[in-house]
């Protein structure tokens, strides 16, 4: 089972829309470094190495 925090889920949702880290940070009122950290955690939890893989796997697992 894959469990993402609320913050990670929100970042992943925004990533799936093709938004840049900076735009995601602005939209979620986070710093770009916090967004990067969430994305690192997402990649680790989903065992992926790219945004595309992360989004595809998240959709397959009904995370977004």
PDB file of N, CA and C in Angstrom:
ATOM      1  N   UNK A   1       0.836  -1.203   0.000  1.00  0.00           N
ATOM      2  CA  UNK A   1       0.000   0.000   0.000  1.00  0.00           C
ATOM      3  C   UNK A   1       0.868   1.250   0.000  1.00  0.00           C
ATOM      4  N   UNK A   2       0.462   2.221  -0.776  1.00  0.00           N
ATOM      5  CA  UNK A   2       1.186   3.485  -0.866  1.00  0.00           C
ATOM      6  C   UNK A   2       0.405   4.540  -0.097  1.00  0.00           C
ATOM      7  N   UNK A   3       1.044   5.151   0.874  1.00  0.00           N
ATOM      8  CA  UNK A   3       0.394   6.195   1.665  1.00  0.00           C
ATOM      9  C   UNK A   3       1.143   7.502   1.497  1.00  0.00           C
ATOM     10  N   UNK A   4       0.482   8.485   0.898  1.00  0.00           N
ATOM     11  CA  UNK A   4       1.061   9.811   0.735  1.00  0.00           C
ATOM     12  C   UNK A   4       0.449  10.752   1.758  1.00  0.00           C
ATOM     13  N   UNK A   5       1.241  11.719   2.217  1.00  0.00           N
ATOM     14  CA  UNK A   5       0.697  12.745   3.112  1.00  0.00           C
ATOM     15  C   UNK A   5      -0.221  13.647   2.292  1.00  0.00           C
ATOM     16  N   UNK A   6      -1.008  14.464   2.975  1.00  0.00           N
ATOM     17  CA  UNK A   6      -1.875  15.412   2.271  1.00  0.00           C
ATOM     18  C   UNK A   6      -1.059  16.326   1.365  1.00  0.00           C
ATOM     19  N   UNK A   7       0.061  16.810   1.895  1.00  0.00           N
ATOM     20  CA  UNK A   7       0.928  17.709   1.116  1.00  0.00           C
ATOM     21  C   UNK A   7       1.469  17.029  -0.127  1.00  0.00           C
ATOM     22  N   UNK A   8       1.906  15.785   0.022  1.00  0.00           N
ATOM     23  CA  UNK A   8       2.433  15.034  -1.126  1.00  0.00           C
ATOM     24  C   UNK A   8       1.336  14.811  -2.162  1.00  0.00           C
ATOM     25  N   UNK A   9       0.144  14.494  -1.687  1.00  0.00           N
ATOM     26  CA  UNK A   9      -0.987  14.290  -2.594  1.00  0.00           C
ATOM     27  C   UNK A   9      -1.331  15.546  -3.372  1.00  0.00           C
ATOM     28  N   UNK A  10      -1.313  16.696  -2.674  1.00  0.00           N
ATOM     29  CA  UNK A  10      -1.613  17.966  -3.338  1.00  0.00           C
ATOM     30  C   UNK A  10      -0.551  18.286  -4.390  1.00  0.00           C
ATOM     31  N   UNK A  11       0.716  18.054  -4.041  1.00  0.00           N
ATOM     32  CA  UNK A  11       1.806  18.311  -4.984  1.00  0.00           C
ATOM     33  C   UNK A  11       1.662  17.390  -6.200  1.00  0.00           C
ATOM     34  N   UNK A  12       1.366  16.134  -5.959  1.00  0.00           N
ATOM     35  CA  UNK A  12       1.217  15.163  -7.040  1.00  0.00           C
ATOM     36  C   UNK A  12       0.056  15.544  -7.961  1.00  0.00           C
ATOM     37  N   UNK A  13      -1.037  15.993  -7.366  1.00  0.00           N
ATOM     38  CA  UNK A  13      -2.202  16.441  -8.148  1.00  0.00           C
ATOM     39  C   UNK A  13      -1.795  17.580  -9.089  1.00  0.00           C
ATOM     40  N   UNK A  14      -1.041  18.528  -8.559  1.00  0.00           N
ATOM     41  CA  UNK A  14      -0.590  19.674  -9.364  1.00  0.00           C
ATOM     42  C   UNK A  14       0.414  19.219 -10.438  1.00  0.00           C
ATOM     43  N   UNK A  15       1.301  18.303 -10.060  1.00  0.00           N
ATOM     44  CA  UNK A  15       2.265  17.758 -11.026  1.00  0.00           C
ATOM     45  C   UNK A  15       1.542  17.131 -12.203  1.00  0.00           C
ATOM     46  N   UNK A  16       0.440  16.443 -11.917  1.00  0.00           N
ATOM     47  CA  UNK A  16      -0.298  15.731 -12.965  1.00  0.00           C
ATOM     48  C   UNK A  16      -0.884  16.704 -13.990  1.00  0.00           C
ATOM     49  N   UNK A  17      -0.991  17.978 -13.611  1.00  0.00           N
ATOM     50  CA  UNK A  17      -1.497  18.999 -14.530  1.00  0.00           C
ATOM     51  C   UNK A  17      -0.373  19.626 -15.341  1.00  0.00           C
ATOM     52  N   UNK A  18       0.852  19.122 -15.126  1.00  0.00           N
ATOM     53  CA  UNK A  18       1.993  19.615 -15.899  1.00  0.00           C
ATOM     54  C   UNK A  18       2.560  20.928 -15.397  1.00  0.00           C
ATOM     55  N   UNK A  19       2.268  21.272 -14.148  1.00  0.00           N
ATOM     56  CA  UNK A  19       2.745  22.546 -13.614  1.00  0.00           C
ATOM     57  C   UNK A  19       4.198  22.443 -13.159  1.00  0.00           C
ATOM     58  N   UNK A  20       4.900  23.569 -13.217  1.00  0.00           N
ATOM     59  CA  UNK A  20       6.299  23.607 -12.776  1.00  0.00           C
ATOM     60  C   UNK A  20       6.360  23.645 -11.248  1.00  0.00           C
ATOM     61  N   UNK A  21       7.525  23.319 -10.705  1.00  0.00           N
ATOM     62  CA  UNK A  21       7.713  23.345  -9.243  1.00  0.00           C
ATOM     63  C   UNK A  21       7.379  24.719  -8.693  1.00  0.00           C
ATOM     64  N   UNK A  22       7.793  25.781  -9.406  1.00  0.00           N
ATOM     65  CA  UNK A  22       7.554  27.139  -8.919  1.00  0.00           C
ATOM     66  C   UNK A  22       6.055  27.445  -8.875  1.00  0.00           C
ATOM     67  N   UNK A  23       5.339  27.067  -9.926  1.00  0.00           N
ATOM     68  CA  UNK A  23       3.888  27.316  -9.970  1.00  0.00           C
ATOM     69  C   UNK A  23       3.190  26.506  -8.871  1.00  0.00           C
ATOM     70  N   UNK A  24       3.614  25.257  -8.689  1.00  0.00           N
ATOM     71  CA  UNK A  24       3.048  24.423  -7.623  1.00  0.00           C
ATOM     72  C   UNK A  24       3.287  25.086  -6.265  1.00  0.00           C
ATOM     73  N   UNK A  25       4.501  25.558  -6.055  1.00  0.00           N
ATOM     74  CA  UNK A  25       4.840  26.222  -4.786  1.00  0.00           C
ATOM     75  C   UNK A  25       3.929  27.426  -4.565  1.00  0.00           C
ATOM     76  N   UNK A  26       3.742  28.234  -5.607  1.00  0.00           N
ATOM     77  CA  UNK A  26       2.878  29.419  -5.498  1.00  0.00           C
ATOM     78  C   UNK A  26       1.427  29.016  -5.218  1.00  0.00           C
ATOM     79  N   UNK A  27       0.939  28.015  -5.938  1.00  0.00           N
ATOM     80  CA  UNK A  27      -0.456  27.578  -5.782  1.00  0.00           C
ATOM     81  C   UNK A  27      -0.739  27.047  -4.385  1.00  0.00           C
ATOM     82  N   UNK A  28       0.243  26.334  -3.810  1.00  0.00           N
ATOM     83  CA  UNK A  28       0.024  25.685  -2.510  1.00  0.00           C
ATOM     84  C   UNK A  28       0.614  26.481  -1.346  1.00  0.00           C
ATOM     85  N   UNK A  29       1.105  27.674  -1.637  1.00  0.00           N
ATOM     86  CA  UNK A  29       1.714  28.532  -0.611  1.00  0.00           C
ATOM     87  C   UNK A  29       2.858  27.816   0.104  1.00  0.00           C
ATOM     88  N   UNK A  30       3.717  27.171  -0.692  1.00  0.00           N
ATOM     89  CA  UNK A  30       4.892  26.473  -0.170  1.00  0.00           C
ATOM     90  C   UNK A  30       6.138  27.089  -0.783  1.00  0.00           C
ATOM     91  N   UNK A  31       7.288  26.798  -0.179  1.00  0.00           N
ATOM     92  CA  UNK A  31       8.536  27.219  -0.808  1.00  0.00           C
ATOM     93  C   UNK A  31       8.903  26.185  -1.872  1.00  0.00           C
ATOM     94  N   UNK A  32       9.630  26.605  -2.908  1.00  0.00           N
ATOM     95  CA  UNK A  32      10.059  25.638  -3.932  1.00  0.00           C
ATOM     96  C   UNK A  32      10.834  24.466  -3.330  1.00  0.00           C
ATOM     97  N   UNK A  33      11.609  24.704  -2.289  1.00  0.00           N
ATOM     98  CA  UNK A  33      12.373  23.600  -1.681  1.00  0.00           C
ATOM     99  C   UNK A  33      11.454  22.604  -0.980  1.00  0.00           C
ATOM    100  N   UNK A  34      10.343  23.078  -0.417  1.00  0.00           N
ATOM    101  CA  UNK A  34       9.362  22.167   0.192  1.00  0.00           C
ATOM    102  C   UNK A  34       8.707  21.316  -0.890  1.00  0.00           C
ATOM    103  N   UNK A  35       8.386  21.929  -2.018  1.00  0.00           N
ATOM    104  CA  UNK A  35       7.807  21.183  -3.139  1.00  0.00           C
ATOM    105  C   UNK A  35       8.790  20.107  -3.594  1.00  0.00           C
ATOM    106  N   UNK A  36      10.075  20.482  -3.726  1.00  0.00           N
ATOM    107  CA  UNK A  36      11.103  19.505  -4.138  1.00  0.00           C
ATOM    108  C   UNK A  36      11.185  18.351  -3.157  1.00  0.00           C
ATOM    109  N   UNK A  37      11.104  18.649  -1.863  1.00  0.00           N
ATOM    110  CA  UNK A  37      11.174  17.602  -0.832  1.00  0.00           C
ATOM    111  C   UNK A  37       9.968  16.668  -0.942  1.00  0.00           C
ATOM    112  N   UNK A  38       8.777  17.241  -1.120  1.00  0.00           N
ATOM    113  CA  UNK A  38       7.569  16.413  -1.303  1.00  0.00           C
ATOM    114  C   UNK A  38       7.749  15.500  -2.514  1.00  0.00           C
ATOM    115  N   UNK A  39       8.301  16.047  -3.602  1.00  0.00           N
ATOM    116  CA  UNK A  39       8.476  15.260  -4.827  1.00  0.00           C
ATOM    117  C   UNK A  39       9.490  14.142  -4.607  1.00  0.00           C
ATOM    118  N   UNK A  40      10.567  14.440  -3.881  1.00  0.00           N
ATOM    119  CA  UNK A  40      11.538  13.379  -3.522  1.00  0.00           C
ATOM    120  C   UNK A  40      10.827  12.259  -2.771  1.00  0.00           C
ATOM    121  N   UNK A  41       9.995  12.635  -1.792  1.00  0.00           N
ATOM    122  CA  UNK A  41       9.270  11.636  -0.995  1.00  0.00           C
ATOM    123  C   UNK A  41       8.299  10.840  -1.858  1.00  0.00           C
ATOM    124  N   UNK A  42       7.622  11.525  -2.776  1.00  0.00           N
ATOM    125  CA  UNK A  42       6.684  10.861  -3.684  1.00  0.00           C
ATOM    126  C   UNK A  42       7.421   9.835  -4.541  1.00  0.00           C
ATOM    127  N   UNK A  43       8.546  10.248  -5.132  1.00  0.00           N
ATOM    128  CA  UNK A  43       9.334   9.332  -5.980  1.00  0.00           C
ATOM    129  C   UNK A  43       9.750   8.108  -5.178  1.00  0.00           C
ATOM    130  N   UNK A  44      10.187   8.335  -3.956  1.00  0.00           N
ATOM    131  CA  UNK A  44      10.638   7.241  -3.096  1.00  0.00           C
ATOM    132  C   UNK A  44       9.480   6.289  -2.778  1.00  0.00           C
ATOM    133  N   UNK A  45       8.352   6.843  -2.366  1.00  0.00           N
ATOM    134  CA  UNK A  45       7.204   6.011  -1.991  1.00  0.00           C
ATOM    135  C   UNK A  45       6.630   5.253  -3.190  1.00  0.00           C
ATOM    136  N   UNK A  46       6.631   5.896  -4.362  1.00  0.00           N
ATOM    137  CA  UNK A  46       6.083   5.256  -5.560  1.00  0.00           C
ATOM    138  C   UNK A  46       7.131   4.422  -6.293  1.00  0.00           C
ATOM    139  N   UNK A  47       8.390   4.561  -5.866  1.00  0.00           N
ATOM    140  CA  UNK A  47       9.516   3.861  -6.507  1.00  0.00           C
ATOM    141  C   UNK A  47       9.592   4.195  -7.992  1.00  0.00           C
ATOM    142  N   UNK A  48       9.636   5.506  -8.286  1.00  0.00           N
ATOM    143  CA  UNK A  48       9.743   5.992  -9.659  1.00  0.00           C
ATOM    144  C   UNK A  48      10.881   7.004  -9.747  1.00  0.00           C
ATOM    145  N   UNK A  49      11.202   7.396 -10.988  1.00  0.00           N
ATOM    146  CA  UNK A  49      12.336   8.300 -11.199  1.00  0.00           C
ATOM    147  C   UNK A  49      12.009   9.511 -12.060  1.00  0.00           C
ATOM    148  N   UNK A  50      10.724   9.685 -12.393  1.00  0.00           N
ATOM    149  CA  UNK A  50      10.359  10.848 -13.204  1.00  0.00           C
ATOM    150  C   UNK A  50       8.935  11.290 -12.882  1.00  0.00           C
ATOM    151  N   UNK A  51       8.643  12.528 -13.287  1.00  0.00           N
ATOM    152  CA  UNK A  51       7.286  13.055 -13.071  1.00  0.00           C
ATOM    153  C   UNK A  51       6.260  12.189 -13.792  1.00  0.00           C
ATOM    154  N   UNK A  52       6.570  11.844 -15.047  1.00  0.00           N
ATOM    155  CA  UNK A  52       5.637  11.048 -15.838  1.00  0.00           C
ATOM    156  C   UNK A  52       5.334   9.711 -15.166  1.00  0.00           C
ATOM    157  N   UNK A  53       6.382   9.017 -14.728  1.00  0.00           N
ATOM    158  CA  UNK A  53       6.194   7.728 -14.035  1.00  0.00           C
ATOM    159  C   UNK A  53       5.359   7.921 -12.772  1.00  0.00           C
ATOM    160  N   UNK A  54       5.663   8.976 -12.022  1.00  0.00           N
ATOM    161  CA  UNK A  54       4.948   9.232 -10.766  1.00  0.00           C
ATOM    162  C   UNK A  54       3.464   9.438 -11.026  1.00  0.00           C
ATOM    163  N   UNK A  55       3.146  10.254 -12.020  1.00  0.00           N
ATOM    164  CA  UNK A  55       1.745  10.541 -12.335  1.00  0.00           C
ATOM    165  C   UNK A  55       1.037   9.279 -12.830  1.00  0.00           C
ATOM    166  N   UNK A  56       1.687   8.533 -13.717  1.00  0.00           N
ATOM    167  CA  UNK A  56       1.072   7.310 -14.242  1.00  0.00           C
ATOM    168  C   UNK A  56       0.807   6.303 -13.124  1.00  0.00           C
ATOM    169  N   UNK A  57       1.799   6.104 -12.256  1.00  0.00           N
ATOM    170  CA  UNK A  57       1.639   5.128 -11.171  1.00  0.00           C
ATOM    171  C   UNK A  57       0.569   5.591 -10.184  1.00  0.00           C
ATOM    172  N   UNK A  58       0.546   6.891  -9.891  1.00  0.00           N
ATOM    173  CA  UNK A  58      -0.460   7.427  -8.976  1.00  0.00           C
ATOM    174  C   UNK A  58      -1.861   7.231  -9.536  1.00  0.00           C
ATOM    175  N   UNK A  59      -2.025   7.417 -10.845  1.00  0.00           N
ATOM    176  CA  UNK A  59      -3.350   7.220 -11.462  1.00  0.00           C
ATOM    177  C   UNK A  59      -3.742   5.750 -11.418  1.00  0.00           C
ATOM    178  N   UNK A  60      -2.772   4.866 -11.701  1.00  0.00           N
ATOM    179  CA  UNK A  60      -3.056   3.428 -11.658  1.00  0.00           C
ATOM    180  C   UNK A  60      -3.482   2.978 -10.260  1.00  0.00           C
ATOM    181  N   UNK A  61      -2.930   3.633  -9.231  1.00  0.00           N
ATOM    182  CA  UNK A  61      -3.227   3.266  -7.844  1.00  0.00           C
ATOM    183  C   UNK A  61      -4.310   4.152  -7.223  1.00  0.00           C
ATOM    184  N   UNK A  62      -5.005   4.891  -8.066  1.00  0.00           N
ATOM    185  CA  UNK A  62      -6.091   5.770  -7.604  1.00  0.00           C
ATOM    186  C   UNK A  62      -5.672   6.747  -6.521  1.00  0.00           C
ATOM    187  N   UNK A  63      -4.448   7.250  -6.620  1.00  0.00           N
ATOM    188  CA  UNK A  63      -3.976   8.250  -5.660  1.00  0.00           C
ATOM    189  C   UNK A  63      -4.353   9.660  -6.118  1.00  0.00           C
ATOM    190  N   UNK A  64      -4.586   9.805  -7.423  1.00  0.00           N
ATOM    191  CA  UNK A  64      -5.031  11.099  -7.951  1.00  0.00           C
ATOM    192  C   UNK A  64      -6.142  10.849  -8.961  1.00  0.00           C
TER     193      UNK A  64
END
